[in-house]
Structure formats: C-alpha cells, structure tokens
Amino acid sequence: MSFKTEITVKFSQTDMAGIGFFNQAFNIFHDQYEEFVQKHGTCNKIGGANPLFVVPIRHIEADYLRPLMAFETYQVEIKVSGVRGSAFQ
C-alpha cells in the first residue's frame, strides 16, 4: 500500500532566506501521514470515531539530499511494506 501526494513548502516553514530547517521535513511528513490515515480509513481523525485505534508513529528517518526551499513543490510518498498485529512498516 502506498500514498503519494505533492506539497508546496510555505515561506512560514523556512528561515528568512527561504531555506527549510531540516526538522520541517518531519512536520511535512506528519501532515501527509494524517492525509494517508484519513484516505485509508484507519480513523476519521486522530482520536475520532474509534479513539482506541490510533496508529502512532514509532520510527521515522529521512535522508537530507538538499534543503527544502520556499515555494518549491515536492512529492511525498508513504509506503507500507507490511502490517503486523498493532503496527505497520
């Protein structure tokens, strides 16, 4: 299962030079993760209709190949390679 979308980096996510601080990649990912969860029906919203079934993020990593720049558009892809009991990878 995978989820692809595009995002445009907002100026508010960058410094005054328009360069995104590396931690913004995690904030952007989390926004897209929420869309992924909603699209695949895991729950309508975090703590929503079934607050006992929330999929927390246990591990995340990123490779910083170049800085995120204000007003540039990037593709974000979330891939689920497996589902086990109470977690997916």
PDB file of N, CA and C in Angstrom:
ATOM      1  N   MET A   1       0.851  -1.162   0.000  1.00  0.00           N
ATOM      2  CA  MET A   1       0.000   0.000   0.000  1.00  0.00           C
ATOM      3  C   MET A   1       0.898   1.227   0.000  1.00  0.00           C
ATOM      4  N   SER A   2       0.565   2.201  -0.810  1.00  0.00           N
ATOM      5  CA  SER A   2       1.353   3.435  -0.816  1.00  0.00           C
ATOM      6  C   SER A   2       0.436   4.630  -1.001  1.00  0.00           C
ATOM      7  N   PHE A   3       0.960   5.771  -0.698  1.00  0.00           N
ATOM      8  CA  PHE A   3       0.226   7.029  -0.780  1.00  0.00           C
ATOM      9  C   PHE A   3       1.189   8.068  -1.320  1.00  0.00           C
ATOM     10  N   LYS A   4       0.809   8.730  -2.406  1.00  0.00           N
ATOM     11  CA  LYS A   4       1.642   9.770  -2.999  1.00  0.00           C
ATOM     12  C   LYS A   4       0.850  11.064  -3.054  1.00  0.00           C
ATOM     13  N   THR A   5       1.534  12.140  -2.781  1.00  0.00           N
ATOM     14  CA  THR A   5       0.922  13.454  -2.878  1.00  0.00           C
ATOM     15  C   THR A   5       2.023  14.479  -3.139  1.00  0.00           C
ATOM     16  N   GLU A   6       1.626  15.681  -3.440  1.00  0.00           N
ATOM     17  CA  GLU A   6       2.585  16.765  -3.634  1.00  0.00           C
ATOM     18  C   GLU A   6       2.341  17.828  -2.584  1.00  0.00           C
ATOM     19  N   ILE A   7       3.406  18.451  -2.144  1.00  0.00           N
ATOM     20  CA  ILE A   7       3.300  19.555  -1.197  1.00  0.00           C
ATOM     21  C   ILE A   7       4.112  20.727  -1.742  1.00  0.00           C
ATOM     22  N   THR A   8       3.709  21.902  -1.368  1.00  0.00           N
ATOM     23  CA  THR A   8       4.483  23.102  -1.670  1.00  0.00           C
ATOM     24  C   THR A   8       4.922  23.687  -0.341  1.00  0.00           C
ATOM     25  N   VAL A   9       6.202  23.919  -0.203  1.00  0.00           N
ATOM     26  CA  VAL A   9       6.751  24.441   1.045  1.00  0.00           C
ATOM     27  C   VAL A   9       6.323  25.900   1.196  1.00  0.00           C
ATOM     28  N   LYS A  10       5.756  26.202   2.350  1.00  0.00           N
ATOM     29  CA  LYS A  10       5.320  27.562   2.653  1.00  0.00           C
ATOM     30  C   LYS A  10       6.502  28.372   3.178  1.00  0.00           C
ATOM     31  N   PHE A  11       6.455  29.653   2.950  1.00  0.00           N
ATOM     32  CA  PHE A  11       7.524  30.517   3.449  1.00  0.00           C
ATOM     33  C   PHE A  11       7.605  30.439   4.970  1.00  0.00           C
ATOM     34  N   SER A  12       6.467  30.227   5.629  1.00  0.00           N
ATOM     35  CA  SER A  12       6.463  30.133   7.091  1.00  0.00           C
ATOM     36  C   SER A  12       7.190  28.889   7.597  1.00  0.00           C
ATOM     37  N   GLN A  13       7.482  27.942   6.719  1.00  0.00           N
ATOM     38  CA  GLN A  13       8.214  26.728   7.092  1.00  0.00           C
ATOM     39  C   GLN A  13       9.721  26.870   6.870  1.00  0.00           C
ATOM     40  N   THR A  14      10.150  28.063   6.505  1.00  0.00           N
ATOM     41  CA  THR A  14      11.562  28.290   6.190  1.00  0.00           C
ATOM     42  C   THR A  14      12.120  29.440   7.027  1.00  0.00           C
ATOM     43  N   ASP A  15      13.431  29.636   6.897  1.00  0.00           N
ATOM     44  CA  ASP A  15      14.033  30.807   7.532  1.00  0.00           C
ATOM     45  C   ASP A  15      13.859  32.005   6.594  1.00  0.00           C
ATOM     46  N   MET A  16      14.419  33.134   6.958  1.00  0.00           N
ATOM     47  CA  MET A  16      14.235  34.352   6.159  1.00  0.00           C
ATOM     48  C   MET A  16      14.859  34.254   4.770  1.00  0.00           C
ATOM     49  N   ALA A  17      15.772  33.324   4.567  1.00  0.00           N
ATOM     50  CA  ALA A  17      16.383  33.128   3.249  1.00  0.00           C
ATOM     51  C   ALA A  17      15.558  32.159   2.395  1.00  0.00           C
ATOM     52  N   GLY A  18      14.461  31.633   2.938  1.00  0.00           N
ATOM     53  CA  GLY A  18      13.624  30.705   2.184  1.00  0.00           C
ATOM     54  C   GLY A  18      14.108  29.270   2.209  1.00  0.00           C
ATOM     55  N   ILE A  19      15.000  28.944   3.154  1.00  0.00           N
ATOM     56  CA  ILE A  19      15.534  27.587   3.267  1.00  0.00           C
ATOM     57  C   ILE A  19      14.891  26.905   4.472  1.00  0.00           C
ATOM     58  N   GLY A  20      14.328  25.737   4.234  1.00  0.00           N
ATOM     59  CA  GLY A  20      13.664  24.995   5.299  1.00  0.00           C
ATOM     60  C   GLY A  20      14.658  24.340   6.240  1.00  0.00           C
ATOM     61  N   PHE A  21      14.473  24.574   7.524  1.00  0.00           N
ATOM     62  CA  PHE A  21      15.275  23.899   8.539  1.00  0.00           C
ATOM     63  C   PHE A  21      14.968  22.414   8.437  1.00  0.00           C
ATOM     64  N   PHE A  22      15.971  21.558   8.626  1.00  0.00           N
ATOM     65  CA  PHE A  22      15.809  20.135   8.349  1.00  0.00           C
ATOM     66  C   PHE A  22      14.644  19.495   9.097  1.00  0.00           C
ATOM     67  N   ASN A  23      14.315  19.973  10.288  1.00  0.00           N
ATOM     68  CA  ASN A  23      13.224  19.342  11.026  1.00  0.00           C
ATOM     69  C   ASN A  23      11.863  19.561  10.368  1.00  0.00           C
ATOM     70  N   GLN A  24      11.761  20.515   9.455  1.00  0.00           N
ATOM     71  CA  GLN A  24      10.497  20.740   8.760  1.00  0.00           C
ATOM     72  C   GLN A  24      10.084  19.523   7.939  1.00  0.00           C
ATOM     73  N   ALA A  25      11.052  18.716   7.516  1.00  0.00           N
ATOM     74  CA  ALA A  25      10.716  17.500   6.766  1.00  0.00           C
ATOM     75  C   ALA A  25       9.803  16.606   7.602  1.00  0.00           C
ATOM     76  N   PHE A  26      10.033  16.547   8.914  1.00  0.00           N
ATOM     77  CA  PHE A  26       9.207  15.719   9.782  1.00  0.00           C
ATOM     78  C   PHE A  26       7.811  16.320   9.966  1.00  0.00           C
ATOM     79  N   ASN A  27       7.728  17.642  10.057  1.00  0.00           N
ATOM     80  CA  ASN A  27       6.415  18.288  10.150  1.00  0.00           C
ATOM     81  C   ASN A  27       5.610  18.066   8.878  1.00  0.00           C
ATOM     82  N   ILE A  28       6.265  18.194   7.737  1.00  0.00           N
ATOM     83  CA  ILE A  28       5.605  17.967   6.455  1.00  0.00           C
ATOM     84  C   ILE A  28       5.162  16.518   6.347  1.00  0.00           C
ATOM     85  N   PHE A  29       6.041  15.598   6.746  1.00  0.00           N
ATOM     86  CA  PHE A  29       5.667  14.188   6.718  1.00  0.00           C
ATOM     87  C   PHE A  29       4.428  13.939   7.575  1.00  0.00           C
ATOM     88  N   HIS A  30       4.406  14.519   8.773  1.00  0.00           N
ATOM     89  CA  HIS A  30       3.280  14.258   9.671  1.00  0.00           C
ATOM     90  C   HIS A  30       1.966  14.738   9.070  1.00  0.00           C
ATOM     91  N   ASP A  31       1.980  15.892   8.407  1.00  0.00           N
ATOM     92  CA  ASP A  31       0.766  16.378   7.736  1.00  0.00           C
ATOM     93  C   ASP A  31       0.301  15.381   6.675  1.00  0.00           C
ATOM     94  N   GLN A  32       1.245  14.853   5.890  1.00  0.00           N
ATOM     95  CA  GLN A  32       0.894  13.906   4.838  1.00  0.00           C
ATOM     96  C   GLN A  32       0.471  12.568   5.434  1.00  0.00           C
ATOM     97  N   TYR A  33       1.057  12.192   6.553  1.00  0.00           N
ATOM     98  CA  TYR A  33       0.679  10.970   7.251  1.00  0.00           C
ATOM     99  C   TYR A  33      -0.785  11.043   7.693  1.00  0.00           C
ATOM    100  N   GLU A  34      -1.208  12.205   8.191  1.00  0.00           N
ATOM    101  CA  GLU A  34      -2.606  12.367   8.585  1.00  0.00           C
ATOM    102  C   GLU A  34      -3.529  12.178   7.380  1.00  0.00           C
ATOM    103  N   GLU A  35      -3.139  12.718   6.215  1.00  0.00           N
ATOM    104  CA  GLU A  35      -3.933  12.505   4.994  1.00  0.00           C
ATOM    105  C   GLU A  35      -3.976  11.026   4.630  1.00  0.00           C
ATOM    106  N   PHE A  36      -2.846  10.345   4.734  1.00  0.00           N
ATOM    107  CA  PHE A  36      -2.770   8.908   4.456  1.00  0.00           C
ATOM    108  C   PHE A  36      -3.739   8.133   5.347  1.00  0.00           C
ATOM    109  N   VAL A  37      -3.722   8.442   6.644  1.00  0.00           N
ATOM    110  CA  VAL A  37      -4.596   7.751   7.595  1.00  0.00           C
ATOM    111  C   VAL A  37      -6.058   7.991   7.236  1.00  0.00           C
ATOM    112  N   GLN A  38      -6.412   9.226   6.907  1.00  0.00           N
ATOM    113  CA  GLN A  38      -7.793   9.535   6.546  1.00  0.00           C
ATOM    114  C   GLN A  38      -8.205   8.831   5.258  1.00  0.00           C
ATOM    115  N   LYS A  39      -7.328   8.833   4.265  1.00  0.00           N
ATOM    116  CA  LYS A  39      -7.661   8.225   2.972  1.00  0.00           C
ATOM    117  C   LYS A  39      -7.892   6.726   3.089  1.00  0.00           C
ATOM    118  N   HIS A  40      -7.107   6.069   3.910  1.00  0.00           N
ATOM    119  CA  HIS A  40      -7.204   4.617   4.014  1.00  0.00           C
ATOM    120  C   HIS A  40      -8.148   4.159   5.119  1.00  0.00           C
ATOM    121  N   GLY A  41      -8.897   5.097   5.685  1.00  0.00           N
ATOM    122  CA  GLY A  41      -9.957   4.742   6.616  1.00  0.00           C
ATOM    123  C   GLY A  41      -9.512   4.211   7.957  1.00  0.00           C
ATOM    124  N   THR A  42      -8.272   4.481   8.358  1.00  0.00           N
ATOM    125  CA  THR A  42      -7.819   3.997   9.655  1.00  0.00           C
ATOM    126  C   THR A  42      -8.634   4.641  10.765  1.00  0.00           C
ATOM    127  N   CYS A  43      -8.846   5.919  10.649  1.00  0.00           N
ATOM    128  CA  CYS A  43      -9.772   6.629  11.537  1.00  0.00           C
ATOM    129  C   CYS A  43     -10.097   7.955  10.865  1.00  0.00           C
ATOM    130  N   ASN A  44     -11.257   8.522  11.177  1.00  0.00           N
ATOM    131  CA  ASN A  44     -11.650   9.767  10.530  1.00  0.00           C
ATOM    132  C   ASN A  44     -10.777  10.932  10.951  1.00  0.00           C
ATOM    133  N   LYS A  45     -10.386  10.927  12.178  1.00  0.00           N
ATOM    134  CA  LYS A  45      -9.426  11.909  12.670  1.00  0.00           C
ATOM    135  C   LYS A  45      -8.773  11.323  13.907  1.00  0.00           C
ATOM    136  N   ILE A  46      -7.637  11.815  14.246  1.00  0.00           N
ATOM    137  CA  ILE A  46      -6.914  11.263  15.390  1.00  0.00           C
ATOM    138  C   ILE A  46      -7.808  11.375  16.626  1.00  0.00           C
ATOM    139  N   GLY A  47      -8.049  10.233  17.251  1.00  0.00           N
ATOM    140  CA  GLY A  47      -8.938  10.198  18.407  1.00  0.00           C
ATOM    141  C   GLY A  47     -10.394  10.318  18.022  1.00  0.00           C
ATOM    142  N   GLY A  48     -10.715  10.140  16.756  1.00  0.00           N
ATOM    143  CA  GLY A  48     -12.061  10.350  16.230  1.00  0.00           C
ATOM    144  C   GLY A  48     -13.060   9.287  16.624  1.00  0.00           C
ATOM    145  N   ALA A  49     -13.733   8.718  15.650  1.00  0.00           N
ATOM    146  CA  ALA A  49     -14.835   7.793  15.875  1.00  0.00           C
ATOM    147  C   ALA A  49     -14.428   6.603  16.734  1.00  0.00           C
ATOM    148  N   ASN A  50     -13.210   6.128  16.593  1.00  0.00           N
ATOM    149  CA  ASN A  50     -12.742   4.989  17.380  1.00  0.00           C
ATOM    150  C   ASN A  50     -11.398   5.355  18.010  1.00  0.00           C
ATOM    151  N   PRO A  51     -11.427   6.061  19.146  1.00  0.00           N
ATOM    152  CA  PRO A  51     -10.167   6.527  19.735  1.00  0.00           C
ATOM    153  C   PRO A  51      -9.256   5.407  20.216  1.00  0.00           C
ATOM    154  N   LEU A  52      -9.747   4.164  20.232  1.00  0.00           N
ATOM    155  CA  LEU A  52      -8.896   3.048  20.642  1.00  0.00           C
ATOM    156  C   LEU A  52      -7.999   2.579  19.508  1.00  0.00           C
ATOM    157  N   PHE A  53      -8.290   3.029  18.289  1.00  0.00           N
ATOM    158  CA  PHE A  53      -7.499   2.603  17.137  1.00  0.00           C
ATOM    159  C   PHE A  53      -6.815   3.806  16.517  1.00  0.00           C
ATOM    160  N   VAL A  54      -5.685   4.169  17.067  1.00  0.00           N
ATOM    161  CA  VAL A  54      -4.868   5.259  16.548  1.00  0.00           C
ATOM    162  C   VAL A  54      -3.530   4.653  16.172  1.00  0.00           C
ATOM    163  N   VAL A  55      -2.987   5.050  15.037  1.00  0.00           N
ATOM    164  CA  VAL A  55      -1.729   4.483  14.564  1.00  0.00           C
ATOM    165  C   VAL A  55      -0.615   5.490  14.854  1.00  0.00           C
ATOM    166  N   PRO A  56       0.108   5.306  15.960  1.00  0.00           N
ATOM    167  CA  PRO A  56       1.187   6.242  16.290  1.00  0.00           C
ATOM    168  C   PRO A  56       2.421   5.998  15.421  1.00  0.00           C
ATOM    169  N   ILE A  57       3.225   7.008  15.303  1.00  0.00           N
ATOM    170  CA  ILE A  57       4.489   6.886  14.580  1.00  0.00           C
ATOM    171  C   ILE A  57       5.547   6.485  15.599  1.00  0.00           C
ATOM    172  N   ARG A  58       6.148   5.316  15.392  1.00  0.00           N
ATOM    173  CA  ARG A  58       7.190   4.828  16.302  1.00  0.00           C
ATOM    174  C   ARG A  58       8.584   5.144  15.809  1.00  0.00           C
ATOM    175  N   HIS A  59       8.761   5.168  14.509  1.00  0.00           N
ATOM    176  CA  HIS A  59      10.099   5.367  13.950  1.00  0.00           C
ATOM    177  C   HIS A  59       9.969   6.142  12.653  1.00  0.00           C
ATOM    178  N   ILE A  60      10.864   7.090  12.472  1.00  0.00           N
ATOM    179  CA  ILE A  60      10.893   7.859  11.231  1.00  0.00           C
ATOM    180  C   ILE A  60      12.339   8.256  10.966  1.00  0.00           C
ATOM    181  N   GLU A  61      12.711   8.260   9.712  1.00  0.00           N
ATOM    182  CA  GLU A  61      14.048   8.725   9.355  1.00  0.00           C
ATOM    183  C   GLU A  61      13.970   9.410   8.003  1.00  0.00           C
ATOM    184  N   ALA A  62      14.945  10.256   7.736  1.00  0.00           N
ATOM    185  CA  ALA A  62      14.968  10.993   6.479  1.00  0.00           C
ATOM    186  C   ALA A  62      16.403  11.156   6.005  1.00  0.00           C
ATOM    187  N   ASP A  63      16.568  11.151   4.699  1.00  0.00           N
ATOM    188  CA  ASP A  63      17.858  11.456   4.084  1.00  0.00           C
ATOM    189  C   ASP A  63      17.760  12.874   3.528  1.00  0.00           C
ATOM    190  N   TYR A  64      18.641  13.744   3.972  1.00  0.00           N
ATOM    191  CA  TYR A  64      18.612  15.133   3.531  1.00  0.00           C
ATOM    192  C   TYR A  64      19.559  15.290   2.353  1.00  0.00           C
ATOM    193  N   LEU A  65      19.015  15.215   1.162  1.00  0.00           N
ATOM    194  CA  LEU A  65      19.830  15.295  -0.044  1.00  0.00           C
ATOM    195  C   LEU A  65      20.047  16.735  -0.483  1.00  0.00           C
ATOM    196  N   ARG A  66      19.083  17.584  -0.150  1.00  0.00           N
ATOM    197  CA  ARG A  66      19.209  19.016  -0.414  1.00  0.00           C
ATOM    198  C   ARG A  66      18.155  19.739   0.416  1.00  0.00           C
ATOM    199  N   PRO A  67      18.325  21.029   0.657  1.00  0.00           N
ATOM    200  CA  PRO A  67      17.383  21.739   1.522  1.00  0.00           C
ATOM    201  C   PRO A  67      16.004  21.904   0.869  1.00  0.00           C
ATOM    202  N   LEU A  68      14.991  21.964   1.716  1.00  0.00           N
ATOM    203  CA  LEU A  68      13.653  22.305   1.250  1.00  0.00           C
ATOM    204  C   LEU A  68      13.618  23.813   1.043  1.00  0.00           C
ATOM    205  N   MET A  69      13.101  24.256  -0.092  1.00  0.00           N
ATOM    206  CA  MET A  69      13.085  25.674  -0.411  1.00  0.00           C
ATOM    207  C   MET A  69      11.655  26.194  -0.466  1.00  0.00           C
ATOM    208  N   ALA A  70      11.464  27.423   0.006  1.00  0.00           N
ATOM    209  CA  ALA A  70      10.151  28.047  -0.005  1.00  0.00           C
ATOM    210  C   ALA A  70       9.575  28.066  -1.422  1.00  0.00           C
ATOM    211  N   PHE A  71       8.297  27.770  -1.524  1.00  0.00           N
ATOM    212  CA  PHE A  71       7.508  27.821  -2.754  1.00  0.00           C
ATOM    213  C   PHE A  71       7.831  26.713  -3.750  1.00  0.00           C
ATOM    214  N   GLU A  72       8.755  25.820  -3.410  1.00  0.00           N
ATOM    215  CA  GLU A  72       9.030  24.682  -4.288  1.00  0.00           C
ATOM    216  C   GLU A  72       8.044  23.560  -3.978  1.00  0.00           C
ATOM    217  N   THR A  73       7.746  22.759  -4.997  1.00  0.00           N
ATOM    218  CA  THR A  73       6.823  21.641  -4.847  1.00  0.00           C
ATOM    219  C   THR A  73       7.623  20.345  -4.807  1.00  0.00           C
ATOM    220  N   TYR A  74       7.232  19.469  -3.888  1.00  0.00           N
ATOM    221  CA  TYR A  74       7.916  18.194  -3.695  1.00  0.00           C
ATOM    222  C   TYR A  74       6.888  17.066  -3.679  1.00  0.00           C
ATOM    223  N   GLN A  75       7.312  15.899  -4.097  1.00  0.00           N
ATOM    224  CA  GLN A  75       6.479  14.711  -3.991  1.00  0.00           C
ATOM    225  C   GLN A  75       6.765  14.038  -2.658  1.00  0.00           C
ATOM    226  N   VAL A  76       5.702  13.623  -1.995  1.00  0.00           N
ATOM    227  CA  VAL A  76       5.821  12.878  -0.748  1.00  0.00           C
ATOM    228  C   VAL A  76       5.194  11.516  -0.991  1.00  0.00           C
ATOM    229  N   GLU A  77       5.901  10.464  -0.604  1.00  0.00           N
ATOM    230  CA  GLU A  77       5.374   9.112  -0.778  1.00  0.00           C
ATOM    231  C   GLU A  77       5.512   8.354   0.537  1.00  0.00           C
ATOM    232  N   ILE A  78       4.409   7.736   0.937  1.00  0.00           N
ATOM    233  CA  ILE A  78       4.397   6.878   2.118  1.00  0.00           C
ATOM    234  C   ILE A  78       4.139   5.470   1.627  1.00  0.00           C
ATOM    235  N   LYS A  79       5.034   4.553   1.972  1.00  0.00           N
ATOM    236  CA  LYS A  79       4.888   3.150   1.569  1.00  0.00           C
ATOM    237  C   LYS A  79       4.728   2.286   2.807  1.00  0.00           C
ATOM    238  N   VAL A  80       3.743   1.406   2.765  1.00  0.00           N
ATOM    239  CA  VAL A  80       3.565   0.433   3.839  1.00  0.00           C
ATOM    240  C   VAL A  80       4.046  -0.898   3.286  1.00  0.00           C
ATOM    241  N   SER A  81       5.108  -1.415   3.876  1.00  0.00           N
ATOM    242  CA  SER A  81       5.674  -2.672   3.365  1.00  0.00           C
ATOM    243  C   SER A  81       5.127  -3.887   4.083  1.00  0.00           C
ATOM    244  N   GLY A  82       4.502  -3.698   5.234  1.00  0.00           N
ATOM    245  CA  GLY A  82       3.945  -4.836   5.959  1.00  0.00           C
ATOM    246  C   GLY A  82       3.096  -4.393   7.125  1.00  0.00           C
ATOM    247  N   VAL A  83       2.165  -5.250   7.511  1.00  0.00           N
ATOM    248  CA  VAL A  83       1.301  -4.985   8.661  1.00  0.00           C
ATOM    249  C   VAL A  83       1.441  -6.164   9.614  1.00  0.00           C
ATOM    250  N   ARG A  84       1.740  -5.851  10.879  1.00  0.00           N
ATOM    251  CA  ARG A  84       1.881  -6.893  11.895  1.00  0.00           C
ATOM    252  C   ARG A  84       1.115  -6.476  13.139  1.00  0.00           C
ATOM    253  N   GLY A  85       0.204  -7.267  13.570  1.00  0.00           N
ATOM    254  CA  GLY A  85      -0.507  -7.028  14.816  1.00  0.00           C
ATOM    255  C   GLY A  85      -0.944  -5.585  14.987  1.00  0.00           C
ATOM    256  N   SER A  86      -0.179  -4.825  15.759  1.00  0.00           N
ATOM    257  CA  SER A  86      -0.543  -3.449  16.054  1.00  0.00           C
ATOM    258  C   SER A  86       0.350  -2.423  15.364  1.00  0.00           C
ATOM    259  N   ALA A  87       1.083  -2.823  14.325  1.00  0.00           N
ATOM    260  CA  ALA A  87       1.992  -1.888  13.674  1.00  0.00           C
ATOM    261  C   ALA A  87       2.075  -2.160  12.175  1.00  0.00           C
ATOM    262  N   PHE A  88       2.451  -1.131  11.459  1.00  0.00           N
ATOM    263  CA  PHE A  88       2.818  -1.336  10.049  1.00  0.00           C
ATOM    264  C   PHE A  88       4.125  -0.651   9.784  1.00  0.00           C
ATOM    265  N   GLN A  89       4.836  -1.147   8.732  1.00  0.00           N
ATOM    266  CA  GLN A  89       6.157  -0.605   8.383  1.00  0.00           C
ATOM    267  C   GLN A  89       6.072   0.091   7.051  1.00  0.00           C
TER     268      GLN A  89
END
